[in-house]
Amino acid sequence: MRLPHFIRSALATLAVASWAAGAPVQLTRGPGNDTEAAWSPDGTRLAFQSDRGGELGVYVLDLGTGEVKPLVVGPGHACFPAWSPDGKLVAYAHARFTSTAAQGLENGYNLFVVSAAGGEPRRLTGGLARDYAPAFTADGKQLLFSSTRGARENSVGLFRMPTAGGDPEPVLVQDSADVAHVQPALSPDGRHLAFGYIAGFRSNWSIRLAKAADPADAFPLTDPAAPFYGPRWSPDGALVACTGYQPGDLGWGVYLLETATGRRVRLDAGEGNARSPAWSPDGKELVFEGNAGGFYKLYRMAVPAASFPPLPEEEGEAGPPVVRLSFVDPPETMVADLSGAGNDGKVEGELAWADGGATFGTGGYVTIPNAKGCDFGTGPFSVRIVLQVAKHTDQLRLITVADYPDNRLGWQVFLQENNHVCFNARDSLKQFLGAFSDAPLPVGRKVTLVGVRRANGRVELYVDGRKQNQSASGAFYAYPVPNQLRIGTQFDGNAPFPGTVYAFEVYRRALTRKEIGCETLQEFLAR
């Protein structure tokens, strides 16, 4: 994994506005790019990374005099500076790119701390892992950071370690291909952790809030339909500043996110791209990097009393399902359709019936021939399945497939070889467009899956009410009357699903967040 992919690449569903904050003031000049600034706790200095000397180094800008002094320079890359709460130390990541072990440091990004007054740096981590984006806890005793350590896949996790030194320990690790948790930031009260998140090479960065006591318990503060990354809390915890871009923007911009509601506003930071905002200690100003003059330079701006627009109201519930199968009672040959549309499911082969569900995996399946109401055209539809995975395997397993005359894989819900679940639809050329789960489905407990193709062609997947990060757009295939809907195998009997299905529903519309069972941001913050 190349570090810049996670540093620089980092139709919104929430209300958005743009807000002018007054003309930004340029702070740095000269050759090279000045980026990733961090404000000192006393508000008098900025630490930042720059390639003005050729190699990437850490510099300190005195805001009173405008003088820039090198703090960590020399061979290699020194980057992502962070101040300790008392202002005495600066933590940073450093890599020295060597061709032989005899030349010096390991060929990885490692963490160091150095006195803010300068001096000999002290190493905190070592090895070939990429450790970067350090952030101090409020008491200064711990560092949170992003790292590839221990990863077998192309992934980045969150770790912590004592500032005094010691062994790093995992905070949040999801070792799956192209999954990353980066640039952690603790809320001022210490209850929540914000970080950038991505799942899938073609996905967008999003910002997640997690419970600091249980970082796996997270909520998406931004939707992955548009990229946002690099969260930084305001001193009062009411806002998060970040980098973002969405359709209609002329480039990357500085956004403010209201942590209580998820509403956001883009600040007018002038021409060009604006990235990596950081708060002044009093919360009245932001520093950011902008490239209006070509190279990225540092700017400061006053934070306006931003007026956030009202949240859009979601459409109300309307329309019953066209298929509703319940597997509570073992049938003789047909599973009754409770929707009233007459889409009874025919049992083929052997199924096991127990505990309110039908267990597949031996080749048996349920088919609904010419399912009525499943001729969606290019309109929206949803599928909801309650199931339980019996075991993880390295085989493709079809939970359900919609078989159409000109597209036998019209839409599907299936388990991949890596045990992640996928809901897919098709574009107008019948090409695959999928939404994938962030993690493998759990084994041995019930899980509710909801796949949605929206009217705008967006394909989304929800697992137990949580929207998954990797989605797709452009799914405008016009679905005619299907040959069949099948549960338990591929349309030809291959790829059986070894698990239990408890409920199966299909709708001719997009389910609402309430119907999907999505937790609201307010509910997440309250618990």
Protein backbone atom coordinates (compact mmCIF):
# COMPACT_ATOMS: atom_id res chain seq x y z
CA MET A 1 0.00 0.00 0.00
CA ARG A 2 1.43 3.37 -0.99
CA LEU A 3 1.14 5.89 1.83
CA PRO A 4 0.06 8.81 -0.40
CA HIS A 5 -3.07 6.84 -1.35
CA PHE A 6 -4.25 7.24 2.22
CA ILE A 7 -2.87 10.72 2.72
CA ARG A 8 -4.09 12.55 -0.36
CA SER A 9 -6.97 10.62 -1.79
CA ALA A 10 -8.76 10.56 1.18
CA LEU A 11 -24.95 13.48 -4.31
CA ALA A 12 -24.59 14.03 -0.50
CA THR A 13 -27.52 12.75 1.56
CA LEU A 14 -27.24 15.45 4.20
CA ALA A 15 -28.02 19.13 3.90
CA VAL A 16 -25.11 21.17 2.57
CA ALA A 17 -24.40 24.89 2.26
CA SER A 18 -21.48 27.15 1.40
CA TRP A 19 -20.35 29.88 3.75
CA ALA A 20 -17.93 32.78 3.30
CA ALA A 21 -15.46 33.27 6.12
CA GLY A 22 -13.58 36.35 4.99
CA ALA A 23 -10.38 36.43 2.98
CA PRO A 24 -7.80 33.84 4.11
CA VAL A 25 -4.34 35.19 4.98
CA GLN A 26 -1.32 33.44 3.43
CA LEU A 27 1.25 32.43 6.05
CA THR A 28 4.06 30.69 4.14
CA ARG A 29 5.85 31.43 0.88
CA GLY A 30 8.78 30.23 -1.14
CA PRO A 31 9.55 26.95 -2.91
CA GLY A 32 7.89 23.61 -2.26
CA ASN A 33 4.64 22.52 -0.64
CA ASP A 34 3.75 23.32 2.98
CA THR A 35 1.07 20.95 4.28
CA GLU A 36 -0.48 19.15 7.30
CA ALA A 37 -0.24 22.05 9.74
CA ALA A 38 -0.89 21.66 13.47
CA TRP A 39 -1.49 24.56 15.86
CA SER A 40 0.55 24.67 19.08
CA PRO A 41 -1.49 24.54 22.32
CA ASP A 42 -0.52 28.13 23.20
CA GLY A 43 -1.59 29.37 19.74
CA THR A 44 1.75 31.00 18.90
CA ARG A 45 3.26 28.48 16.48
CA LEU A 46 2.42 26.05 13.70
CA ALA A 47 4.21 22.79 13.03
CA PHE A 48 3.92 21.60 9.45
CA GLN A 49 5.54 19.34 6.88
CA SER A 50 7.31 20.76 3.82
CA ASP A 51 9.47 19.66 0.92
CA ARG A 52 11.00 23.12 0.60
CA GLY A 53 14.42 21.58 1.29
CA GLY A 54 13.98 18.76 -1.21
CA GLU A 55 13.14 16.01 1.28
CA LEU A 56 9.94 16.14 3.33
CA GLY A 57 10.72 17.65 6.73
CA VAL A 58 8.98 19.13 9.77
CA TYR A 59 9.19 22.90 10.29
CA VAL A 60 7.83 25.37 12.86
CA LEU A 61 6.34 28.75 11.98
CA ASP A 62 6.30 31.51 14.59
CA LEU A 63 2.98 33.28 14.01
CA GLY A 64 4.19 36.44 15.72
CA THR A 65 7.32 36.98 13.64
CA GLY A 66 6.62 34.86 10.55
CA GLU A 67 9.97 33.10 11.00
CA VAL A 68 10.16 29.45 9.85
CA LYS A 69 12.68 27.13 11.50
CA PRO A 70 13.46 23.51 10.64
CA LEU A 71 12.64 21.05 13.40
CA VAL A 72 13.33 17.69 11.72
CA VAL A 73 15.14 17.70 8.37
CA GLY A 74 17.64 15.50 6.58
CA PRO A 75 17.49 12.24 4.66
CA GLY A 76 14.06 10.65 4.38
CA HIS A 77 10.53 11.87 4.97
CA ALA A 78 9.39 13.50 8.21
CA CYS A 79 5.66 14.18 8.18
CA PHE A 80 2.35 14.46 10.06
CA PRO A 81 3.51 16.57 13.03
CA ALA A 82 1.35 16.65 16.18
CA TRP A 83 1.83 18.73 19.35
CA SER A 84 1.68 17.28 22.83
CA PRO A 85 -0.99 18.97 25.02
CA ASP A 86 1.68 20.83 27.04
CA GLY A 87 3.40 22.05 23.86
CA LYS A 88 6.75 20.54 24.82
CA LEU A 89 6.88 17.69 22.27
CA VAL A 90 6.11 17.16 18.61
CA ALA A 91 5.33 13.65 17.41
CA TYR A 92 5.77 12.79 13.74
CA ALA A 93 6.24 9.94 11.27
CA HIS A 94 9.59 9.38 9.59
CA ALA A 95 10.85 7.10 6.83
CA ARG A 96 14.34 6.81 5.45
CA PHE A 97 14.31 5.08 2.09
CA THR A 98 17.38 2.85 1.90
CA SER A 99 18.47 0.08 -0.43
CA THR A 100 20.45 -1.98 2.10
CA ALA A 101 20.05 -2.66 5.82
CA ALA A 102 23.54 -1.33 6.45
CA GLN A 103 22.50 2.13 5.35
CA GLY A 104 20.44 2.83 8.44
CA LEU A 105 16.84 2.88 9.54
CA GLU A 106 14.22 0.35 8.53
CA ASN A 107 12.49 0.98 5.24
CA GLY A 108 9.15 1.89 6.81
CA TYR A 109 7.35 4.85 8.34
CA ASN A 110 8.06 4.93 12.08
CA LEU A 111 6.96 7.26 14.88
CA PHE A 112 9.28 9.63 16.70
CA VAL A 113 8.96 12.46 19.21
CA VAL A 114 11.22 15.47 19.46
CA SER A 115 11.40 18.46 21.76
CA ALA A 116 9.50 21.41 20.31
CA ALA A 117 12.67 23.41 20.92
CA GLY A 118 14.66 21.00 18.76
CA GLY A 119 17.20 18.35 19.62
CA GLU A 120 17.69 14.64 19.15
CA PRO A 121 14.48 12.77 18.20
CA ARG A 122 13.40 9.73 20.22
CA ARG A 123 12.20 6.67 18.34
CA LEU A 124 8.87 5.15 19.37
CA THR A 125 8.24 2.45 16.74
CA GLY A 126 10.33 0.43 14.32
CA GLY A 127 10.08 -2.10 11.54
CA LEU A 128 8.71 -2.18 8.03
CA ALA A 129 5.18 -1.12 8.96
CA ARG A 130 3.88 2.30 8.00
CA ASP A 131 3.04 4.15 11.22
CA TYR A 132 1.72 7.67 10.61
CA ALA A 133 -0.75 10.42 11.54
CA PRO A 134 -0.05 10.42 15.32
CA ALA A 135 -2.41 12.20 17.72
CA PHE A 136 -1.91 12.72 21.46
CA THR A 137 -4.56 11.88 24.03
CA ALA A 138 -5.71 14.77 26.23
CA ASP A 139 -3.34 13.84 29.06
CA GLY A 140 -0.41 13.46 26.68
CA LYS A 141 0.37 9.96 27.93
CA GLN A 142 -0.75 8.03 24.84
CA LEU A 143 -0.47 8.38 21.08
CA LEU A 144 -3.12 7.20 18.64
CA PHE A 145 -1.93 6.56 15.09
CA SER A 146 -2.62 4.77 11.82
CA SER A 147 -0.54 1.75 10.87
CA THR A 148 -0.19 -1.18 8.50
CA ARG A 149 1.50 -3.27 11.20
CA GLY A 150 0.35 -6.88 11.26
CA ALA A 151 -1.67 -6.47 8.06
CA ARG A 152 -1.79 -9.40 5.67
CA GLU A 153 -4.14 -7.58 3.34
CA ASN A 154 -3.82 -4.07 1.88
CA SER A 155 -5.20 -2.44 5.03
CA VAL A 156 -4.54 0.25 7.64
CA GLY A 157 -5.72 0.09 11.26
CA LEU A 158 -5.71 2.32 14.33
CA PHE A 159 -3.23 1.69 17.16
CA ARG A 160 -2.12 3.34 20.39
CA MET A 161 1.03 3.31 22.48
CA PRO A 162 2.53 5.14 25.47
CA THR A 163 4.29 8.39 24.66
CA ALA A 164 7.09 7.28 26.96
CA GLY A 165 7.59 4.20 24.79
CA GLY A 166 6.34 0.64 24.74
CA ASP A 167 4.54 -1.80 22.52
CA PRO A 168 1.76 -0.56 20.22
CA GLU A 169 -1.61 -2.22 20.69
CA PRO A 170 -4.51 -2.38 18.23
CA VAL A 171 -7.47 -0.05 18.69
CA LEU A 172 -9.43 -0.81 15.52
CA VAL A 173 -8.16 -3.26 12.91
CA GLN A 174 -10.09 -4.68 9.97
CA ASP A 175 -7.58 -6.59 7.89
CA SER A 176 -9.44 -6.70 4.57
CA ALA A 177 -8.33 -5.59 1.12
CA ASP A 178 -8.22 -1.80 0.68
CA VAL A 179 -9.76 -1.03 4.08
CA ALA A 180 -8.23 1.84 6.04
CA HIS A 181 -8.86 3.78 9.25
CA VAL A 182 -6.71 6.92 9.19
CA GLN A 183 -5.98 10.22 10.95
CA PRO A 184 -7.62 9.51 14.34
CA ALA A 185 -8.86 12.45 16.43
CA LEU A 186 -10.28 12.20 19.95
CA SER A 187 -13.14 14.50 20.95
CA PRO A 188 -12.31 17.07 23.64
CA ASP A 189 -14.38 15.15 26.22
CA GLY A 190 -12.65 11.89 25.28
CA ARG A 191 -15.92 10.03 24.56
CA HIS A 192 -15.70 9.79 20.78
CA LEU A 193 -13.08 9.08 18.18
CA ALA A 194 -13.31 10.51 14.65
CA PHE A 195 -11.31 9.08 11.77
CA GLY A 196 -11.23 8.74 8.00
CA TYR A 197 -12.50 5.43 6.66
CA ILE A 198 -12.47 3.66 3.31
CA ALA A 199 -13.49 0.13 2.29
CA GLY A 200 -12.66 -0.82 -1.26
CA PHE A 201 -10.29 0.54 -3.89
CA ARG A 202 -13.08 2.29 -5.81
CA SER A 203 -14.82 3.70 -2.74
CA ASN A 204 -14.73 7.20 -1.32
CA TRP A 205 -13.30 8.29 1.99
CA SER A 206 -15.88 8.97 4.67
CA ILE A 207 -15.65 10.20 8.26
CA ARG A 208 -16.81 7.98 11.08
CA LEU A 209 -17.51 8.65 14.73
CA ALA A 210 -16.76 5.83 17.12
CA LYS A 211 -17.15 5.25 20.82
CA ALA A 212 -13.68 5.77 22.28
CA ALA A 213 -14.32 2.92 24.70
CA ASP A 214 -15.32 0.61 21.82
CA PRO A 215 -14.06 1.94 18.47
CA ALA A 216 -15.76 -0.91 16.58
CA ASP A 217 -19.04 0.79 17.55
CA ALA A 218 -19.01 3.49 14.87
CA PHE A 219 -21.43 5.74 13.00
CA PRO A 220 -20.89 7.29 9.53
CA LEU A 221 -20.82 11.06 10.00
CA THR A 222 -20.55 11.48 6.21
CA ASP A 223 -21.95 9.38 3.40
CA PRO A 224 -19.44 7.60 1.12
CA ALA A 225 -21.28 8.98 -1.93
CA ALA A 226 -18.82 11.92 -1.65
CA PRO A 227 -15.28 11.87 -0.22
CA PHE A 228 -14.44 13.44 3.16
CA TYR A 229 -11.36 12.83 5.31
CA GLY A 230 -9.01 14.35 7.88
CA PRO A 231 -11.38 15.16 10.80
CA ARG A 232 -10.31 17.64 13.46
CA TRP A 233 -12.51 18.54 16.45
CA SER A 234 -13.23 22.11 17.47
CA PRO A 235 -12.13 22.84 21.05
CA ASP A 236 -15.76 22.76 22.27
CA GLY A 237 -16.53 19.49 20.44
CA ALA A 238 -19.49 20.97 18.56
CA LEU A 239 -17.86 20.88 15.11
CA VAL A 240 -15.47 18.79 13.09
CA ALA A 241 -13.37 20.46 10.40
CA CYS A 242 -12.30 18.25 7.51
CA THR A 243 -11.38 18.05 3.84
CA GLY A 244 -14.17 17.22 1.39
CA TYR A 245 -15.39 17.28 -2.15
CA GLN A 246 -18.82 16.70 -3.64
CA PRO A 247 -20.47 17.15 -7.04
CA GLY A 248 -20.57 20.83 -7.95
CA ASP A 249 -17.43 21.73 -6.02
CA LEU A 250 -14.58 23.21 -8.05
CA GLY A 251 -12.00 21.34 -5.99
CA TRP A 252 -11.17 20.02 -2.54
CA GLY A 253 -12.50 22.27 0.19
CA VAL A 254 -12.64 22.87 3.92
CA TYR A 255 -15.90 21.71 5.47
CA LEU A 256 -17.42 22.07 8.92
CA LEU A 257 -19.54 19.18 10.19
CA GLU A 258 -22.02 19.71 13.00
CA THR A 259 -21.40 16.72 15.27
CA ALA A 260 -24.90 16.73 16.79
CA THR A 261 -26.73 16.51 13.44
CA GLY A 262 -24.25 15.66 10.68
CA ARG A 263 -25.15 18.85 8.79
CA ARG A 264 -22.24 20.37 6.94
CA VAL A 265 -21.12 23.63 5.37
CA ARG A 266 -18.27 24.34 2.97
CA LEU A 267 -16.18 27.37 3.88
CA ASP A 268 -15.09 29.88 1.25
CA ALA A 269 -11.33 29.38 1.38
CA GLY A 270 -10.51 31.19 -1.85
CA GLU A 271 -9.35 29.82 -5.18
CA GLY A 272 -7.84 26.40 -5.78
CA ASN A 273 -7.93 23.39 -3.50
CA ALA A 274 -8.10 23.81 0.27
CA ARG A 275 -7.24 20.86 2.53
CA SER A 276 -6.23 19.64 5.99
CA PRO A 277 -7.80 22.25 8.30
CA ALA A 278 -6.67 22.52 11.92
CA TRP A 279 -8.22 24.58 14.73
CA SER A 280 -6.63 27.33 16.76
CA PRO A 281 -6.72 26.57 20.50
CA ASP A 282 -9.48 29.16 21.05
CA GLY A 283 -11.61 27.73 18.21
CA LYS A 284 -11.82 31.09 16.44
CA GLU A 285 -9.53 30.33 13.49
CA LEU A 286 -8.50 27.56 11.13
CA VAL A 287 -5.22 26.96 9.37
CA PHE A 288 -5.26 25.00 6.12
CA GLU A 289 -3.22 24.32 3.01
CA GLY A 290 -4.23 25.86 -0.33
CA ASN A 291 -2.76 25.84 -3.82
CA ALA A 292 -4.19 29.05 -5.30
CA GLY A 293 -0.64 30.07 -6.27
CA GLY A 294 0.45 26.66 -7.58
CA PHE A 295 2.35 25.14 -4.64
CA TYR A 296 0.43 24.31 -1.49
CA LYS A 297 0.97 27.00 1.13
CA LEU A 298 -0.48 27.58 4.60
CA TYR A 299 -3.34 30.01 5.17
CA ARG A 300 -5.29 31.10 8.23
CA MET A 301 -8.89 32.25 8.32
CA ALA A 302 -11.48 33.27 10.89
CA VAL A 303 -14.20 30.70 11.50
CA PRO A 304 -17.58 32.26 10.70
CA ALA A 305 -20.74 31.80 12.73
CA ALA A 306 -21.87 29.32 10.10
CA SER A 307 -25.58 28.90 9.45
CA PHE A 308 -26.31 25.24 8.76
CA PRO A 309 -29.27 24.47 6.48
CA PRO A 310 -32.13 22.32 7.76
CA LEU A 311 -31.88 18.58 7.32
CA PRO A 312 -33.96 17.18 4.44
CA GLU A 313 -37.00 15.18 5.41
CA GLU A 314 -37.02 11.56 4.31
CA GLU A 315 -40.00 10.33 2.34
CA GLY A 316 -42.57 8.47 4.43
CA GLU A 317 -43.21 4.76 4.28
CA ALA A 318 -45.45 3.70 1.41
CA GLY A 319 -46.19 0.51 -0.43
CA PRO A 320 -46.25 -3.09 0.79
CA PRO A 321 -43.73 -5.69 -0.42
CA VAL A 322 -44.40 -7.69 -3.57
CA VAL A 323 -42.74 -10.73 -1.98
CA ARG A 324 -42.82 -11.66 1.71
CA LEU A 325 -41.79 -15.20 2.55
CA SER A 326 -41.63 -16.43 6.12
CA PHE A 327 -39.88 -19.70 6.89
CA VAL A 328 -41.27 -20.11 10.40
CA ASP A 329 -43.51 -23.06 9.58
CA PRO A 330 -42.23 -25.96 7.43
CA PRO A 331 -44.33 -26.16 4.24
CA GLU A 332 -45.14 -29.26 2.26
CA THR A 333 -44.15 -27.96 -1.16
CA MET A 334 -44.84 -24.21 -1.19
CA VAL A 335 -43.73 -21.34 1.04
CA ALA A 336 -46.70 -18.98 1.30
CA ASP A 337 -46.26 -15.41 0.12
CA LEU A 338 -47.65 -13.13 2.85
CA SER A 339 -47.53 -10.01 0.68
CA GLY A 340 -50.80 -10.82 -1.09
CA ALA A 341 -49.14 -10.63 -4.52
CA GLY A 342 -49.35 -14.38 -5.04
CA ASN A 343 -45.60 -15.01 -5.19
CA ASP A 344 -45.52 -18.34 -3.35
CA GLY A 345 -42.13 -20.03 -3.23
CA LYS A 346 -41.77 -23.58 -4.51
CA VAL A 347 -39.43 -25.86 -2.53
CA GLU A 348 -37.09 -27.92 -4.67
CA GLY A 349 -34.82 -30.55 -3.11
CA GLU A 350 -34.14 -31.09 0.57
CA LEU A 351 -34.22 -28.29 3.12
CA ALA A 352 -33.97 -28.51 6.91
CA TRP A 353 -36.58 -26.62 8.93
CA ALA A 354 -35.83 -25.61 12.50
CA ASP A 355 -35.91 -22.61 14.85
CA GLY A 356 -38.13 -20.59 12.53
CA GLY A 357 -35.93 -20.85 9.45
CA ALA A 358 -35.01 -22.93 6.41
CA THR A 359 -31.44 -24.25 6.28
CA PHE A 360 -29.84 -24.48 2.85
CA GLY A 361 -26.52 -25.84 1.65
CA THR A 362 -27.23 -29.34 0.33
CA GLY A 363 -28.53 -28.22 -3.06
CA GLY A 364 -32.14 -27.55 -2.08
CA TYR A 365 -33.62 -24.17 -2.95
CA VAL A 366 -36.81 -22.10 -3.14
CA THR A 367 -37.93 -20.64 -6.45
CA ILE A 368 -40.61 -18.08 -7.31
CA PRO A 369 -41.40 -18.47 -11.03
CA ASN A 370 -42.22 -15.26 -12.94
CA ALA A 371 -42.37 -13.28 -9.69
CA LYS A 372 -45.14 -10.68 -9.96
CA GLY A 373 -44.16 -7.07 -9.30
CA CYS A 374 -40.45 -7.67 -9.88
CA ASP A 375 -40.51 -5.98 -13.29
CA PHE A 376 -38.97 -2.82 -11.81
CA GLY A 377 -37.94 -1.22 -15.10
CA THR A 378 -35.35 1.42 -14.19
CA GLY A 379 -37.16 2.25 -10.95
CA PRO A 380 -36.07 1.67 -7.36
CA PHE A 381 -36.39 -1.61 -5.48
CA SER A 382 -35.25 -3.17 -2.21
CA VAL A 383 -34.60 -6.69 -0.97
CA ARG A 384 -34.55 -7.57 2.74
CA ILE A 385 -33.23 -10.90 4.06
CA VAL A 386 -32.87 -12.18 7.62
CA LEU A 387 -30.33 -15.00 7.69
CA GLN A 388 -27.61 -16.77 9.61
CA VAL A 389 -24.28 -17.90 8.16
CA ALA A 390 -23.34 -21.41 9.27
CA LYS A 391 -19.62 -21.14 8.58
CA HIS A 392 -17.00 -19.21 6.65
CA THR A 393 -15.59 -20.81 3.50
CA ASP A 394 -13.45 -19.75 0.56
CA GLN A 395 -16.26 -20.45 -1.92
CA LEU A 396 -18.78 -18.20 -3.67
CA ARG A 397 -22.27 -18.74 -2.12
CA LEU A 398 -25.52 -17.44 -3.60
CA ILE A 399 -28.10 -16.33 -1.06
CA THR A 400 -30.56 -15.16 -3.71
CA VAL A 401 -30.58 -14.39 -7.42
CA ALA A 402 -33.12 -12.73 -9.69
CA ASP A 403 -33.04 -14.53 -13.05
CA TYR A 404 -34.28 -12.42 -16.00
CA PRO A 405 -34.75 -13.51 -19.66
CA ASP A 406 -31.90 -11.33 -20.98
CA ASN A 407 -29.83 -11.20 -17.78
CA ARG A 408 -29.76 -14.36 -15.71
CA LEU A 409 -27.82 -12.59 -12.95
CA GLY A 410 -30.13 -9.57 -12.86
CA TRP A 411 -29.58 -8.83 -9.18
CA GLN A 412 -28.03 -10.97 -6.49
CA VAL A 413 -27.13 -11.20 -2.82
CA PHE A 414 -24.14 -13.45 -2.30
CA LEU A 415 -21.17 -14.22 -0.09
CA GLN A 416 -17.78 -13.73 -1.69
CA GLU A 417 -14.76 -15.93 -1.20
CA ASN A 418 -13.58 -13.53 1.53
CA ASN A 419 -16.94 -13.93 3.33
CA HIS A 420 -18.02 -10.35 2.69
CA VAL A 421 -21.58 -10.06 1.41
CA CYS A 422 -22.48 -8.26 -1.81
CA PHE A 423 -25.73 -6.87 -3.21
CA ASN A 424 -25.47 -6.10 -6.90
CA ALA A 425 -27.60 -4.70 -9.68
CA ARG A 426 -26.79 -3.90 -13.33
CA ASP A 427 -26.25 -0.86 -15.49
CA SER A 428 -27.92 -0.25 -18.85
CA LEU A 429 -25.21 -2.37 -20.51
CA LYS A 430 -25.88 -5.21 -18.02
CA GLN A 431 -22.54 -4.64 -16.30
CA PHE A 432 -22.15 -5.62 -12.65
CA LEU A 433 -22.49 -2.84 -10.05
CA GLY A 434 -22.09 -3.97 -6.45
CA ALA A 435 -22.26 -2.76 -2.87
CA PHE A 436 -20.11 -4.75 -0.45
CA SER A 437 -20.06 -5.24 3.30
CA ASP A 438 -17.29 -3.61 5.30
CA ALA A 439 -16.40 -6.89 7.00
CA PRO A 440 -17.13 -10.61 6.74
CA LEU A 441 -20.62 -11.55 7.89
CA PRO A 442 -20.61 -12.97 11.42
CA VAL A 443 -21.15 -16.68 11.93
CA GLY A 444 -23.77 -18.21 14.20
CA ARG A 445 -26.15 -15.26 14.71
CA LYS A 446 -29.02 -13.66 12.81
CA VAL A 447 -28.15 -10.79 10.48
CA THR A 448 -30.51 -8.52 8.56
CA LEU A 449 -29.38 -7.55 5.06
CA VAL A 450 -31.04 -4.82 3.01
CA GLY A 451 -30.03 -4.11 -0.57
CA VAL A 452 -31.41 -1.00 -2.28
CA ARG A 453 -31.30 0.29 -5.83
CA ARG A 454 -32.42 3.89 -5.63
CA ALA A 455 -34.19 5.94 -8.30
CA ASN A 456 -30.90 7.71 -9.07
CA GLY A 457 -29.23 4.37 -9.86
CA ARG A 458 -27.31 4.14 -6.59
CA VAL A 459 -26.72 0.62 -5.22
CA GLU A 460 -26.48 0.40 -1.41
CA LEU A 461 -26.12 -2.34 1.17
CA TYR A 462 -27.09 -2.25 4.85
CA VAL A 463 -26.06 -4.81 7.47
CA ASP A 464 -28.13 -4.72 10.67
CA GLY A 465 -29.12 -1.15 9.85
CA ARG A 466 -25.57 0.06 9.19
CA LYS A 467 -24.93 1.41 5.71
CA GLN A 468 -21.82 -0.20 4.26
CA ASN A 469 -19.12 2.03 2.86
CA GLN A 470 -18.61 0.56 -0.60
CA SER A 471 -21.52 1.30 -2.91
CA ALA A 472 -21.97 1.95 -6.63
CA SER A 473 -23.88 4.21 -8.99
CA GLY A 474 -25.30 4.06 -12.51
CA ALA A 475 -27.49 0.95 -12.07
CA PHE A 476 -30.15 1.76 -14.66
CA TYR A 477 -30.83 -1.66 -16.14
CA ALA A 478 -34.55 -1.93 -17.03
CA TYR A 479 -35.79 -5.06 -15.27
CA PRO A 480 -38.58 -6.95 -17.12
CA VAL A 481 -40.67 -9.81 -15.71
CA PRO A 482 -38.19 -12.35 -14.27
CA ASN A 483 -37.89 -16.01 -15.10
CA GLN A 484 -37.62 -16.65 -11.37
CA LEU A 485 -36.38 -15.46 -8.02
CA ARG A 486 -34.30 -18.16 -6.38
CA ILE A 487 -33.19 -18.51 -2.78
CA GLY A 488 -30.37 -20.82 -1.71
CA THR A 489 -28.39 -21.39 -4.93
CA GLN A 490 -27.37 -19.84 -8.23
CA PHE A 491 -30.03 -19.94 -10.99
CA ASP A 492 -28.47 -23.17 -12.30
CA GLY A 493 -28.15 -24.86 -8.89
CA ASN A 494 -24.49 -24.05 -8.32
CA ALA A 495 -22.91 -22.07 -5.44
CA PRO A 496 -25.26 -23.23 -2.63
CA PHE A 497 -25.60 -21.07 0.47
CA PRO A 498 -24.72 -23.00 3.67
CA GLY A 499 -26.89 -21.16 6.12
CA THR A 500 -30.39 -20.43 7.36
CA VAL A 501 -32.92 -17.96 5.95
CA TYR A 502 -35.67 -16.68 8.25
CA ALA A 503 -37.37 -14.01 6.14
CA PHE A 504 -37.23 -12.77 2.53
CA GLU A 505 -38.90 -9.61 1.19
CA VAL A 506 -38.83 -7.64 -2.05
CA TYR A 507 -40.22 -4.08 -2.50
CA ARG A 508 -40.86 -1.94 -5.57
CA ARG A 509 -39.36 1.08 -3.83
CA ALA A 510 -36.46 2.16 -1.70
CA LEU A 511 -37.00 1.36 1.95
CA THR A 512 -36.74 4.27 4.36
CA ARG A 513 -34.02 4.49 6.99
CA LYS A 514 -36.62 3.68 9.64
CA GLU A 515 -37.73 0.55 7.78
CA ILE A 516 -34.11 -0.50 7.30
CA GLY A 517 -33.53 -0.08 11.03
CA CYS A 518 -30.85 2.60 10.77
CA GLU A 519 -29.78 4.20 14.02
CA THR A 520 -29.87 7.98 13.92
CA LEU A 521 -26.84 10.09 14.79
CA GLN A 522 -28.71 11.45 17.79
CA GLU A 523 -29.43 7.92 19.04
CA PHE A 524 -25.78 6.96 18.58
CA LEU A 525 -24.52 10.00 20.50
CA ALA A 526 -27.04 9.53 23.30
CA ARG A 527 -26.01 6.01 24.26
